[in-house]
Amino acid sequence: MAERRRVTLALTGASGAQYGLRLLECLVRADVEVSFLISQAAQLVVATETDWQLPAKPQALEAFLRERLAAAEGQIRVFGKQDWMAPVASGSGAPGAMVVCPCSTGTLSAIATGASNNLIERAADVALKERRQLILVPREAPYSNIHLENMLKLSQMGAVILPASPGFYHKPNSIDELIDFVVARILNQLGIEQTLLARWGE
């Protein structure tokens, strides 16, 4: 039996929580094992922007997500911000890919400087040092020089900067279709089959 693919997904405190939650749903449907990390600010954004009422404690949140998304036992693993024994905190245990969606500019800065003050920042630092895939999905406007310099620095380190900037050439009819545009781009980067958005020319 083939081993299930593993991805770390982190939600941080930028607007656009819908992108991260939809990505989580798509990863579960694709039978991907997800290490799920969420900042305190992201908890507030989720409560503000969506109808999801996420429990604060990792164990309760894990059970909530498993039930809401009909995930398999152990498919979603939730880790607290100071859980330094989590697999994602070490190059020997971390998944081969990490996505920060949405990625706040504060998180962007912390990753760019190697701050590692919490598990999200440490997991991203591990992805960079181990030369693994790191996809950052900032949602901010306008970008300051600081933001742009951090993006360039991270891009030069090998991270993919994928702003939450939906296109309109597919003639979207709903907000959900705009969300799916960005999520489809992330799944394409991860090499995960998706039917949310046809590839150009198809």
N, C-alpha and C. Protein backbone atom coordinates (compact mmCIF):
# COMPACT_ATOMS: atom_id res chain seq x y z
N MET A 1 0.84 -1.19 0.00
CA MET A 1 0.00 0.00 0.00
C MET A 1 0.88 1.25 0.00
N ALA A 2 0.61 2.19 -0.92
CA ALA A 2 1.41 3.40 -1.04
C ALA A 2 1.25 4.28 0.20
N GLU A 3 2.36 4.89 0.61
CA GLU A 3 2.31 5.79 1.76
C GLU A 3 1.59 7.07 1.38
N ARG A 4 0.74 7.56 2.26
CA ARG A 4 -0.01 8.79 2.01
C ARG A 4 0.95 9.98 1.98
N ARG A 5 0.75 10.87 1.02
CA ARG A 5 1.56 12.08 0.92
C ARG A 5 1.30 12.98 2.12
N ARG A 6 2.33 13.71 2.56
CA ARG A 6 2.23 14.56 3.75
C ARG A 6 2.54 16.01 3.39
N VAL A 7 1.72 16.91 3.90
CA VAL A 7 1.89 18.34 3.68
C VAL A 7 1.62 19.07 4.99
N THR A 8 2.41 20.08 5.29
CA THR A 8 2.13 20.97 6.42
C THR A 8 1.35 22.17 5.90
N LEU A 9 0.24 22.48 6.55
CA LEU A 9 -0.56 23.65 6.20
C LEU A 9 -0.68 24.54 7.43
N ALA A 10 -0.26 25.80 7.27
CA ALA A 10 -0.34 26.77 8.36
C ALA A 10 -1.24 27.93 7.96
N LEU A 11 -2.13 28.33 8.85
CA LEU A 11 -2.95 29.52 8.66
C LEU A 11 -2.46 30.59 9.62
N THR A 12 -2.18 31.79 9.08
CA THR A 12 -1.74 32.89 9.93
C THR A 12 -2.71 34.06 9.78
N GLY A 13 -2.43 35.15 10.48
CA GLY A 13 -3.44 36.18 10.69
C GLY A 13 -3.63 37.21 9.62
N ALA A 14 -3.62 36.83 8.35
CA ALA A 14 -3.99 37.74 7.27
C ALA A 14 -5.43 37.44 6.86
N SER A 15 -6.07 38.43 6.26
CA SER A 15 -7.40 38.18 5.70
C SER A 15 -7.26 37.12 4.60
N GLY A 16 -8.34 36.35 4.40
CA GLY A 16 -8.29 35.30 3.40
C GLY A 16 -8.25 33.91 4.01
N ALA A 17 -8.83 33.77 5.21
CA ALA A 17 -8.87 32.46 5.85
C ALA A 17 -9.57 31.43 4.98
N GLN A 18 -10.50 31.88 4.13
CA GLN A 18 -11.24 30.97 3.25
C GLN A 18 -10.30 30.18 2.35
N TYR A 19 -9.21 30.81 1.92
CA TYR A 19 -8.26 30.11 1.06
C TYR A 19 -7.65 28.91 1.79
N GLY A 20 -7.22 29.13 3.02
CA GLY A 20 -6.59 28.06 3.79
C GLY A 20 -7.55 26.94 4.12
N LEU A 21 -8.77 27.29 4.50
CA LEU A 21 -9.75 26.27 4.85
C LEU A 21 -10.16 25.45 3.63
N ARG A 22 -10.32 26.11 2.49
CA ARG A 22 -10.66 25.39 1.26
C ARG A 22 -9.50 24.49 0.82
N LEU A 23 -8.28 24.97 0.98
CA LEU A 23 -7.12 24.15 0.67
C LEU A 23 -7.07 22.91 1.55
N LEU A 24 -7.36 23.09 2.84
CA LEU A 24 -7.39 21.95 3.76
C LEU A 24 -8.42 20.93 3.29
N GLU A 25 -9.60 21.40 2.91
CA GLU A 25 -10.64 20.50 2.42
C GLU A 25 -10.17 19.73 1.19
N CYS A 26 -9.51 20.41 0.26
CA CYS A 26 -9.03 19.77 -0.96
C CYS A 26 -7.92 18.77 -0.68
N LEU A 27 -7.03 19.08 0.24
CA LEU A 27 -5.97 18.15 0.61
C LEU A 27 -6.54 16.88 1.22
N VAL A 28 -7.54 17.03 2.06
CA VAL A 28 -8.18 15.86 2.68
C VAL A 28 -8.83 14.99 1.60
N ARG A 29 -9.53 15.63 0.68
CA ARG A 29 -10.18 14.88 -0.41
C ARG A 29 -9.18 14.16 -1.30
N ALA A 30 -7.97 14.74 -1.40
CA ALA A 30 -6.91 14.12 -2.21
C ALA A 30 -6.14 13.06 -1.44
N ASP A 31 -6.61 12.72 -0.24
CA ASP A 31 -6.00 11.70 0.60
C ASP A 31 -4.58 12.07 1.05
N VAL A 32 -4.38 13.36 1.29
CA VAL A 32 -3.10 13.85 1.79
C VAL A 32 -3.16 13.91 3.31
N GLU A 33 -2.08 13.53 3.98
CA GLU A 33 -1.99 13.67 5.43
C GLU A 33 -1.52 15.09 5.74
N VAL A 34 -2.27 15.80 6.57
CA VAL A 34 -2.01 17.22 6.81
C VAL A 34 -1.58 17.46 8.26
N SER A 35 -0.43 18.10 8.40
CA SER A 35 -0.03 18.65 9.70
C SER A 35 -0.55 20.07 9.72
N PHE A 36 -1.51 20.35 10.59
CA PHE A 36 -2.24 21.63 10.57
C PHE A 36 -1.78 22.51 11.71
N LEU A 37 -1.37 23.75 11.36
CA LEU A 37 -0.91 24.73 12.33
C LEU A 37 -1.72 26.00 12.15
N ILE A 38 -2.10 26.64 13.24
CA ILE A 38 -2.88 27.87 13.12
C ILE A 38 -2.47 28.83 14.23
N SER A 39 -2.26 30.08 13.85
CA SER A 39 -1.87 31.09 14.83
C SER A 39 -3.10 31.62 15.56
N GLN A 40 -2.87 32.28 16.68
CA GLN A 40 -3.96 32.87 17.45
C GLN A 40 -4.68 33.94 16.62
N ALA A 41 -3.91 34.73 15.88
CA ALA A 41 -4.51 35.76 15.02
C ALA A 41 -5.36 35.12 13.93
N ALA A 42 -4.91 34.00 13.40
CA ALA A 42 -5.70 33.31 12.37
C ALA A 42 -7.01 32.78 12.93
N GLN A 43 -6.99 32.33 14.19
CA GLN A 43 -8.23 31.90 14.84
C GLN A 43 -9.25 33.04 14.82
N LEU A 44 -8.79 34.25 15.11
CA LEU A 44 -9.67 35.42 15.12
C LEU A 44 -10.17 35.74 13.71
N VAL A 45 -9.29 35.63 12.72
CA VAL A 45 -9.69 35.90 11.34
C VAL A 45 -10.74 34.90 10.87
N VAL A 46 -10.53 33.63 11.19
CA VAL A 46 -11.49 32.60 10.81
C VAL A 46 -12.86 32.90 11.42
N ALA A 47 -12.88 33.28 12.68
CA ALA A 47 -14.14 33.60 13.35
C ALA A 47 -14.81 34.83 12.73
N THR A 48 -14.01 35.76 12.24
CA THR A 48 -14.54 36.99 11.66
C THR A 48 -15.04 36.80 10.23
N GLU A 49 -14.30 36.01 9.45
CA GLU A 49 -14.57 35.92 8.01
C GLU A 49 -15.42 34.72 7.60
N THR A 50 -15.58 33.74 8.49
CA THR A 50 -16.30 32.52 8.11
C THR A 50 -17.29 32.12 9.20
N ASP A 51 -18.02 31.05 8.92
CA ASP A 51 -18.94 30.51 9.93
C ASP A 51 -18.31 29.34 10.69
N TRP A 52 -17.01 29.12 10.49
CA TRP A 52 -16.32 28.06 11.21
C TRP A 52 -16.02 28.52 12.64
N GLN A 53 -16.40 27.73 13.61
CA GLN A 53 -16.10 28.01 15.02
C GLN A 53 -15.03 27.03 15.48
N LEU A 54 -13.78 27.42 15.33
CA LEU A 54 -12.68 26.50 15.60
C LEU A 54 -12.34 26.45 17.09
N PRO A 55 -12.29 25.26 17.68
CA PRO A 55 -11.85 25.15 19.07
C PRO A 55 -10.41 25.62 19.21
N ALA A 56 -10.07 26.13 20.37
CA ALA A 56 -8.73 26.69 20.59
C ALA A 56 -7.69 25.61 20.86
N LYS A 57 -8.08 24.54 21.55
CA LYS A 57 -7.14 23.49 21.94
C LYS A 57 -6.85 22.56 20.77
N PRO A 58 -5.57 22.20 20.55
CA PRO A 58 -5.21 21.35 19.41
C PRO A 58 -6.00 20.04 19.31
N GLN A 59 -6.18 19.34 20.42
CA GLN A 59 -6.88 18.06 20.38
C GLN A 59 -8.33 18.24 19.98
N ALA A 60 -9.00 19.25 20.52
CA ALA A 60 -10.39 19.52 20.17
C ALA A 60 -10.50 20.00 18.73
N LEU A 61 -9.56 20.80 18.29
CA LEU A 61 -9.56 21.29 16.91
C LEU A 61 -9.36 20.14 15.93
N GLU A 62 -8.48 19.22 16.28
CA GLU A 62 -8.24 18.06 15.43
C GLU A 62 -9.52 17.24 15.26
N ALA A 63 -10.23 17.02 16.36
CA ALA A 63 -11.48 16.26 16.29
C ALA A 63 -12.53 17.01 15.47
N PHE A 64 -12.60 18.32 15.66
CA PHE A 64 -13.56 19.15 14.92
C PHE A 64 -13.30 19.08 13.42
N LEU A 65 -12.04 19.24 13.01
CA LEU A 65 -11.70 19.22 11.59
C LEU A 65 -11.93 17.85 10.98
N ARG A 66 -11.58 16.81 11.73
CA ARG A 66 -11.78 15.44 11.22
C ARG A 66 -13.26 15.18 10.95
N GLU A 67 -14.13 15.63 11.86
CA GLU A 67 -15.56 15.43 11.67
C GLU A 67 -16.12 16.31 10.56
N ARG A 68 -15.74 17.59 10.55
CA ARG A 68 -16.29 18.52 9.56
C ARG A 68 -15.89 18.15 8.14
N LEU A 69 -14.67 17.65 7.97
CA LEU A 69 -14.16 17.34 6.63
C LEU A 69 -14.21 15.86 6.30
N ALA A 70 -14.79 15.07 7.20
CA ALA A 70 -14.90 13.62 6.99
C ALA A 70 -13.53 13.01 6.69
N ALA A 71 -12.54 13.43 7.44
CA ALA A 71 -11.18 12.94 7.25
C ALA A 71 -11.00 11.58 7.92
N ALA A 72 -10.05 10.83 7.42
CA ALA A 72 -9.73 9.54 8.02
C ALA A 72 -9.03 9.75 9.36
N GLU A 73 -9.09 8.75 10.19
CA GLU A 73 -8.42 8.80 11.48
C GLU A 73 -6.93 9.07 11.26
N GLY A 74 -6.41 10.11 11.90
CA GLY A 74 -4.99 10.44 11.79
C GLY A 74 -4.61 11.22 10.54
N GLN A 75 -5.57 11.52 9.67
CA GLN A 75 -5.24 12.23 8.43
C GLN A 75 -4.92 13.70 8.69
N ILE A 76 -5.59 14.30 9.68
CA ILE A 76 -5.28 15.67 10.08
C ILE A 76 -4.68 15.63 11.47
N ARG A 77 -3.48 16.19 11.60
CA ARG A 77 -2.82 16.26 12.90
C ARG A 77 -2.60 17.73 13.23
N VAL A 78 -3.12 18.17 14.35
CA VAL A 78 -3.04 19.57 14.76
C VAL A 78 -1.98 19.70 15.86
N PHE A 79 -1.12 20.71 15.70
CA PHE A 79 -0.06 20.94 16.68
C PHE A 79 -0.13 22.36 17.21
N GLY A 80 0.12 22.53 18.49
CA GLY A 80 0.10 23.84 19.11
C GLY A 80 1.33 24.66 18.76
N LYS A 81 1.26 25.96 19.00
CA LYS A 81 2.32 26.87 18.55
C LYS A 81 3.66 26.66 19.26
N GLN A 82 3.65 26.01 20.42
CA GLN A 82 4.88 25.74 21.15
C GLN A 82 5.19 24.25 21.25
N ASP A 83 4.62 23.45 20.37
CA ASP A 83 4.83 22.00 20.40
C ASP A 83 6.12 21.66 19.66
N TRP A 84 7.24 21.84 20.34
CA TRP A 84 8.54 21.67 19.70
C TRP A 84 8.88 20.21 19.42
N MET A 85 8.07 19.28 19.93
CA MET A 85 8.30 17.86 19.66
C MET A 85 7.51 17.39 18.43
N ALA A 86 6.77 18.29 17.80
CA ALA A 86 6.01 17.93 16.60
C ALA A 86 6.96 17.56 15.47
N PRO A 87 6.58 16.60 14.62
CA PRO A 87 7.46 16.21 13.51
C PRO A 87 7.88 17.37 12.62
N VAL A 88 7.00 18.37 12.44
CA VAL A 88 7.31 19.48 11.54
C VAL A 88 8.45 20.36 12.06
N ALA A 89 8.83 20.19 13.32
CA ALA A 89 9.89 21.00 13.91
C ALA A 89 11.28 20.49 13.60
N SER A 90 11.37 19.36 12.91
CA SER A 90 12.68 18.75 12.64
C SER A 90 12.77 18.29 11.20
N GLY A 91 13.93 18.45 10.62
CA GLY A 91 14.14 17.99 9.25
C GLY A 91 13.97 16.51 9.09
N SER A 92 14.15 15.75 10.15
CA SER A 92 14.02 14.29 10.05
C SER A 92 12.57 13.82 10.08
N GLY A 93 11.64 14.73 10.45
CA GLY A 93 10.25 14.31 10.56
C GLY A 93 9.26 15.12 9.75
N ALA A 94 9.70 16.27 9.23
CA ALA A 94 8.79 17.18 8.55
C ALA A 94 8.36 16.64 7.19
N PRO A 95 7.14 16.98 6.75
CA PRO A 95 6.69 16.61 5.41
C PRO A 95 7.54 17.27 4.33
N GLY A 96 7.37 16.82 3.11
CA GLY A 96 8.16 17.33 2.00
C GLY A 96 7.70 18.67 1.49
N ALA A 97 6.54 19.14 1.92
CA ALA A 97 6.02 20.43 1.45
C ALA A 97 5.29 21.13 2.57
N MET A 98 5.35 22.47 2.54
CA MET A 98 4.62 23.29 3.51
C MET A 98 3.98 24.45 2.77
N VAL A 99 2.75 24.77 3.17
CA VAL A 99 2.03 25.92 2.63
C VAL A 99 1.60 26.81 3.79
N VAL A 100 1.86 28.11 3.70
CA VAL A 100 1.34 29.07 4.67
C VAL A 100 0.28 29.88 3.94
N CYS A 101 -0.97 29.63 4.29
CA CYS A 101 -2.10 30.18 3.52
C CYS A 101 -3.28 30.51 4.44
N PRO A 102 -3.59 31.79 4.65
CA PRO A 102 -2.85 32.94 4.17
C PRO A 102 -1.60 33.17 5.01
N CYS A 103 -0.67 33.91 4.42
CA CYS A 103 0.58 34.24 5.10
C CYS A 103 0.59 35.71 5.45
N SER A 104 0.54 36.04 6.72
CA SER A 104 0.58 37.44 7.14
C SER A 104 1.96 38.02 6.85
N THR A 105 2.03 39.33 6.72
CA THR A 105 3.33 39.95 6.47
C THR A 105 4.25 39.83 7.69
N GLY A 106 3.67 39.70 8.87
CA GLY A 106 4.47 39.45 10.06
C GLY A 106 5.13 38.08 10.00
N THR A 107 4.37 37.08 9.58
CA THR A 107 4.93 35.74 9.42
C THR A 107 5.96 35.72 8.31
N LEU A 108 5.68 36.42 7.22
CA LEU A 108 6.62 36.54 6.11
C LEU A 108 7.96 37.06 6.61
N SER A 109 7.91 38.12 7.42
CA SER A 109 9.12 38.72 7.96
C SER A 109 9.86 37.75 8.87
N ALA A 110 9.12 37.06 9.73
CA ALA A 110 9.74 36.12 10.68
C ALA A 110 10.42 34.97 9.94
N ILE A 111 9.78 34.46 8.90
CA ILE A 111 10.38 33.37 8.12
C ILE A 111 11.63 33.87 7.40
N ALA A 112 11.56 35.08 6.85
CA ALA A 112 12.69 35.63 6.10
C ALA A 112 13.92 35.83 6.99
N THR A 113 13.69 36.08 8.28
CA THR A 113 14.81 36.33 9.20
C THR A 113 15.17 35.11 10.04
N GLY A 114 14.44 34.00 9.87
CA GLY A 114 14.73 32.79 10.63
C GLY A 114 14.40 32.90 12.10
N ALA A 115 13.37 33.69 12.43
CA ALA A 115 13.05 33.96 13.84
C ALA A 115 12.71 32.69 14.62
N SER A 116 11.88 31.83 14.07
CA SER A 116 11.51 30.56 14.72
C SER A 116 10.99 30.73 16.14
N ASN A 117 10.14 31.75 16.35
CA ASN A 117 9.59 32.00 17.67
C ASN A 117 8.39 31.12 18.01
N ASN A 118 7.82 30.45 17.01
CA ASN A 118 6.71 29.54 17.24
C ASN A 118 6.81 28.40 16.24
N LEU A 119 5.91 27.44 16.31
CA LEU A 119 6.04 26.24 15.49
C LEU A 119 5.84 26.54 14.00
N ILE A 120 4.97 27.49 13.67
CA ILE A 120 4.79 27.84 12.26
C ILE A 120 6.10 28.35 11.67
N GLU A 121 6.73 29.29 12.37
CA GLU A 121 7.98 29.86 11.89
C GLU A 121 9.08 28.79 11.83
N ARG A 122 9.13 27.92 12.83
CA ARG A 122 10.14 26.87 12.85
C ARG A 122 9.91 25.88 11.71
N ALA A 123 8.66 25.49 11.48
CA ALA A 123 8.37 24.54 10.40
C ALA A 123 8.78 25.12 9.05
N ALA A 124 8.55 26.41 8.83
CA ALA A 124 8.97 27.06 7.59
C ALA A 124 10.48 27.11 7.50
N ASP A 125 11.13 27.38 8.63
CA ASP A 125 12.59 27.40 8.66
C ASP A 125 13.16 26.04 8.30
N VAL A 126 12.52 24.98 8.80
CA VAL A 126 12.94 23.61 8.47
C VAL A 126 12.80 23.36 6.97
N ALA A 127 11.67 23.79 6.40
CA ALA A 127 11.45 23.60 4.97
C ALA A 127 12.56 24.27 4.16
N LEU A 128 12.95 25.47 4.57
CA LEU A 128 14.01 26.18 3.85
C LEU A 128 15.36 25.50 4.02
N LYS A 129 15.70 25.15 5.24
CA LYS A 129 17.03 24.59 5.47
C LYS A 129 17.20 23.21 4.86
N GLU A 130 16.08 22.48 4.74
CA GLU A 130 16.13 21.14 4.16
C GLU A 130 15.88 21.15 2.65
N ARG A 131 15.74 22.38 2.08
CA ARG A 131 15.49 22.56 0.64
C ARG A 131 14.22 21.83 0.21
N ARG A 132 13.18 21.95 1.05
CA ARG A 132 11.89 21.37 0.72
C ARG A 132 10.95 22.46 0.20
N GLN A 133 9.83 22.04 -0.34
CA GLN A 133 8.91 22.99 -0.96
C GLN A 133 8.22 23.84 0.11
N LEU A 134 8.30 25.16 -0.08
CA LEU A 134 7.63 26.10 0.82
C LEU A 134 6.86 27.09 -0.04
N ILE A 135 5.54 27.11 0.13
CA ILE A 135 4.66 27.99 -0.63
C ILE A 135 4.04 28.99 0.34
N LEU A 136 4.24 30.27 0.06
CA LEU A 136 3.71 31.33 0.91
C LEU A 136 2.65 32.10 0.14
N VAL A 137 1.48 32.28 0.77
CA VAL A 137 0.33 32.91 0.10
C VAL A 137 -0.01 34.21 0.84
N PRO A 138 0.71 35.30 0.54
CA PRO A 138 0.40 36.58 1.20
C PRO A 138 -0.88 37.19 0.65
N ARG A 139 -1.58 37.93 1.52
CA ARG A 139 -2.77 38.65 1.09
C ARG A 139 -2.73 40.02 1.76
N GLU A 140 -2.16 40.96 1.05
CA GLU A 140 -1.98 42.30 1.59
C GLU A 140 -2.01 43.29 0.43
N ALA A 141 -2.40 44.53 0.69
CA ALA A 141 -2.37 45.56 -0.35
C ALA A 141 -2.43 46.93 0.30
N PRO A 142 -1.55 47.83 -0.11
CA PRO A 142 -0.42 47.60 -1.01
C PRO A 142 0.74 46.97 -0.25
N TYR A 143 1.74 46.50 -1.00
CA TYR A 143 2.95 45.96 -0.38
C TYR A 143 3.95 47.08 -0.15
N SER A 144 4.55 47.10 1.02
CA SER A 144 5.61 48.07 1.30
C SER A 144 6.94 47.51 0.79
N ASN A 145 7.97 48.35 0.81
CA ASN A 145 9.31 47.88 0.44
C ASN A 145 9.74 46.72 1.33
N ILE A 146 9.37 46.78 2.61
CA ILE A 146 9.73 45.71 3.54
C ILE A 146 9.12 44.40 3.09
N HIS A 147 7.84 44.42 2.75
CA HIS A 147 7.17 43.20 2.30
C HIS A 147 7.83 42.65 1.04
N LEU A 148 8.07 43.54 0.08
CA LEU A 148 8.65 43.12 -1.20
C LEU A 148 10.07 42.58 -1.03
N GLU A 149 10.84 43.22 -0.16
CA GLU A 149 12.21 42.75 0.10
C GLU A 149 12.19 41.36 0.76
N ASN A 150 11.25 41.16 1.69
CA ASN A 150 11.14 39.84 2.32
C ASN A 150 10.72 38.78 1.32
N MET A 151 9.80 39.12 0.42
CA MET A 151 9.38 38.17 -0.61
C MET A 151 10.54 37.81 -1.53
N LEU A 152 11.31 38.82 -1.94
CA LEU A 152 12.45 38.56 -2.82
C LEU A 152 13.47 37.69 -2.11
N LYS A 153 13.74 38.00 -0.85
CA LYS A 153 14.71 37.22 -0.08
C LYS A 153 14.28 35.76 0.01
N LEU A 154 13.00 35.54 0.28
CA LEU A 154 12.49 34.17 0.41
C LEU A 154 12.46 33.46 -0.94
N SER A 155 12.12 34.19 -1.98
CA SER A 155 12.13 33.60 -3.32
C SER A 155 13.54 33.15 -3.69
N GLN A 156 14.52 33.95 -3.34
CA GLN A 156 15.91 33.59 -3.63
C GLN A 156 16.36 32.38 -2.82
N MET A 157 15.70 32.12 -1.69
CA MET A 157 15.99 30.94 -0.88
C MET A 157 15.29 29.69 -1.41
N GLY A 158 14.37 29.88 -2.38
CA GLY A 158 13.68 28.73 -2.95
C GLY A 158 12.21 28.65 -2.64
N ALA A 159 11.70 29.57 -1.82
CA ALA A 159 10.27 29.57 -1.52
C ALA A 159 9.49 30.07 -2.73
N VAL A 160 8.25 29.61 -2.84
CA VAL A 160 7.35 30.09 -3.89
C VAL A 160 6.43 31.13 -3.27
N ILE A 161 6.42 32.33 -3.84
CA ILE A 161 5.52 33.39 -3.37
C ILE A 161 4.31 33.38 -4.29
N LEU A 162 3.16 33.02 -3.74
CA LEU A 162 1.93 32.86 -4.53
C LEU A 162 0.85 33.75 -3.91
N PRO A 163 0.81 35.02 -4.28
CA PRO A 163 -0.17 35.93 -3.68
C PRO A 163 -1.61 35.48 -3.93
N ALA A 164 -2.47 35.77 -2.99
CA ALA A 164 -3.90 35.45 -3.15
C ALA A 164 -4.53 36.47 -4.08
N SER A 165 -4.21 36.33 -5.37
CA SER A 165 -4.68 37.27 -6.40
C SER A 165 -5.45 36.49 -7.46
N PRO A 166 -6.74 36.27 -7.26
CA PRO A 166 -7.51 35.47 -8.22
C PRO A 166 -7.62 36.16 -9.57
N GLY A 167 -7.61 35.36 -10.63
CA GLY A 167 -7.82 35.88 -11.97
C GLY A 167 -9.31 35.87 -12.32
N PHE A 168 -9.62 36.37 -13.50
CA PHE A 168 -11.02 36.48 -13.91
C PHE A 168 -11.26 35.91 -15.30
N TYR A 169 -10.22 35.33 -15.92
CA TYR A 169 -10.41 34.83 -17.28
C TYR A 169 -11.31 33.60 -17.34
N HIS A 170 -11.55 32.96 -16.19
CA HIS A 170 -12.47 31.82 -16.17
C HIS A 170 -13.91 32.26 -15.91
N LYS A 171 -14.14 33.58 -15.87
CA LYS A 171 -15.46 34.17 -15.71
C LYS A 171 -16.19 33.63 -14.46
N PRO A 172 -15.64 33.91 -13.29
CA PRO A 172 -16.23 33.39 -12.06
C PRO A 172 -17.63 33.96 -11.80
N ASN A 173 -18.49 33.11 -11.24
CA ASN A 173 -19.85 33.50 -10.91
C ASN A 173 -20.09 33.64 -9.41
N SER A 174 -19.07 33.34 -8.61
CA SER A 174 -19.25 33.36 -7.16
C SER A 174 -17.92 33.60 -6.47
N ILE A 175 -18.01 33.95 -5.20
CA ILE A 175 -16.81 34.10 -4.39
C ILE A 175 -16.09 32.76 -4.27
N ASP A 176 -16.84 31.68 -4.17
CA ASP A 176 -16.23 30.35 -4.07
C ASP A 176 -15.34 30.06 -5.27
N GLU A 177 -15.75 30.50 -6.45
CA GLU A 177 -14.94 30.25 -7.65
C GLU A 177 -13.66 31.10 -7.64
N LEU A 178 -13.71 32.27 -7.04
CA LEU A 178 -12.50 33.09 -6.88
C LEU A 178 -11.54 32.43 -5.89
N ILE A 179 -12.08 31.88 -4.81
CA ILE A 179 -11.27 31.16 -3.83
C ILE A 179 -10.63 29.94 -4.49
N ASP A 180 -11.42 29.20 -5.25
CA ASP A 180 -10.91 27.99 -5.91
C ASP A 180 -9.81 28.30 -6.91
N PHE A 181 -9.84 29.48 -7.53
CA PHE A 181 -8.79 29.86 -8.47
C PHE A 181 -7.43 29.83 -7.78
N VAL A 182 -7.35 30.44 -6.61
CA VAL A 182 -6.08 30.50 -5.88
C VAL A 182 -5.71 29.12 -5.34
N VAL A 183 -6.69 28.41 -4.78
CA VAL A 183 -6.43 27.08 -4.24
C VAL A 183 -5.94 26.13 -5.33
N ALA A 184 -6.52 26.24 -6.52
CA ALA A 184 -6.08 25.40 -7.64
C ALA A 184 -4.62 25.66 -7.98
N ARG A 185 -4.21 26.92 -7.93
CA ARG A 185 -2.81 27.27 -8.21
C ARG A 185 -1.88 26.64 -7.17
N ILE A 186 -2.31 26.63 -5.92
CA ILE A 186 -1.50 26.01 -4.87
C ILE A 186 -1.39 24.51 -5.10
N LEU A 187 -2.51 23.87 -5.40
CA LEU A 187 -2.50 22.42 -5.65
C LEU A 187 -1.63 22.08 -6.84
N ASN A 188 -1.66 22.92 -7.87
CA ASN A 188 -0.79 22.70 -9.04
C ASN A 188 0.67 22.75 -8.63
N GLN A 189 1.02 23.71 -7.78
CA GLN A 189 2.40 23.82 -7.30
C GLN A 189 2.82 22.57 -6.52
N LEU A 190 1.87 22.02 -5.76
CA LEU A 190 2.15 20.83 -4.96
C LEU A 190 2.17 19.56 -5.80
N GLY A 191 1.70 19.67 -7.06
CA GLY A 191 1.63 18.49 -7.91
C GLY A 191 0.49 17.56 -7.54
N ILE A 192 -0.57 18.13 -6.97
CA ILE A 192 -1.74 17.35 -6.56
C ILE A 192 -2.86 17.55 -7.57
N GLU A 193 -3.40 16.47 -8.05
CA GLU A 193 -4.47 16.52 -9.06
C GLU A 193 -5.64 17.35 -8.55
N GLN A 194 -6.16 18.24 -9.41
CA GLN A 194 -7.29 19.07 -9.01
C GLN A 194 -8.21 19.31 -10.20
N THR A 195 -9.49 19.50 -9.88
CA THR A 195 -10.48 19.77 -10.93
C THR A 195 -11.17 21.12 -10.67
N LEU A 196 -10.58 21.95 -9.83
CA LEU A 196 -11.17 23.24 -9.50
C LEU A 196 -11.07 24.22 -10.66
N LEU A 197 -10.00 24.11 -11.42
CA LEU A 197 -9.71 25.08 -12.47
C LEU A 197 -8.97 24.38 -13.60
N ALA A 198 -9.49 24.53 -14.81
CA ALA A 198 -8.81 23.93 -15.97
C ALA A 198 -7.48 24.65 -16.21
N ARG A 199 -6.49 23.89 -16.63
CA ARG A 199 -5.21 24.51 -16.96
C ARG A 199 -5.37 25.32 -18.25
N TRP A 200 -4.52 26.32 -18.40
CA TRP A 200 -4.59 27.20 -19.55
C TRP A 200 -4.53 26.40 -20.85
N GLY A 201 -5.48 26.68 -21.73
CA GLY A 201 -5.51 26.01 -23.03
C GLY A 201 -6.34 24.74 -23.05
N GLU A 202 -6.78 24.27 -21.87
CA GLU A 202 -7.59 23.05 -21.83
C GLU A 202 -9.07 23.39 -22.02
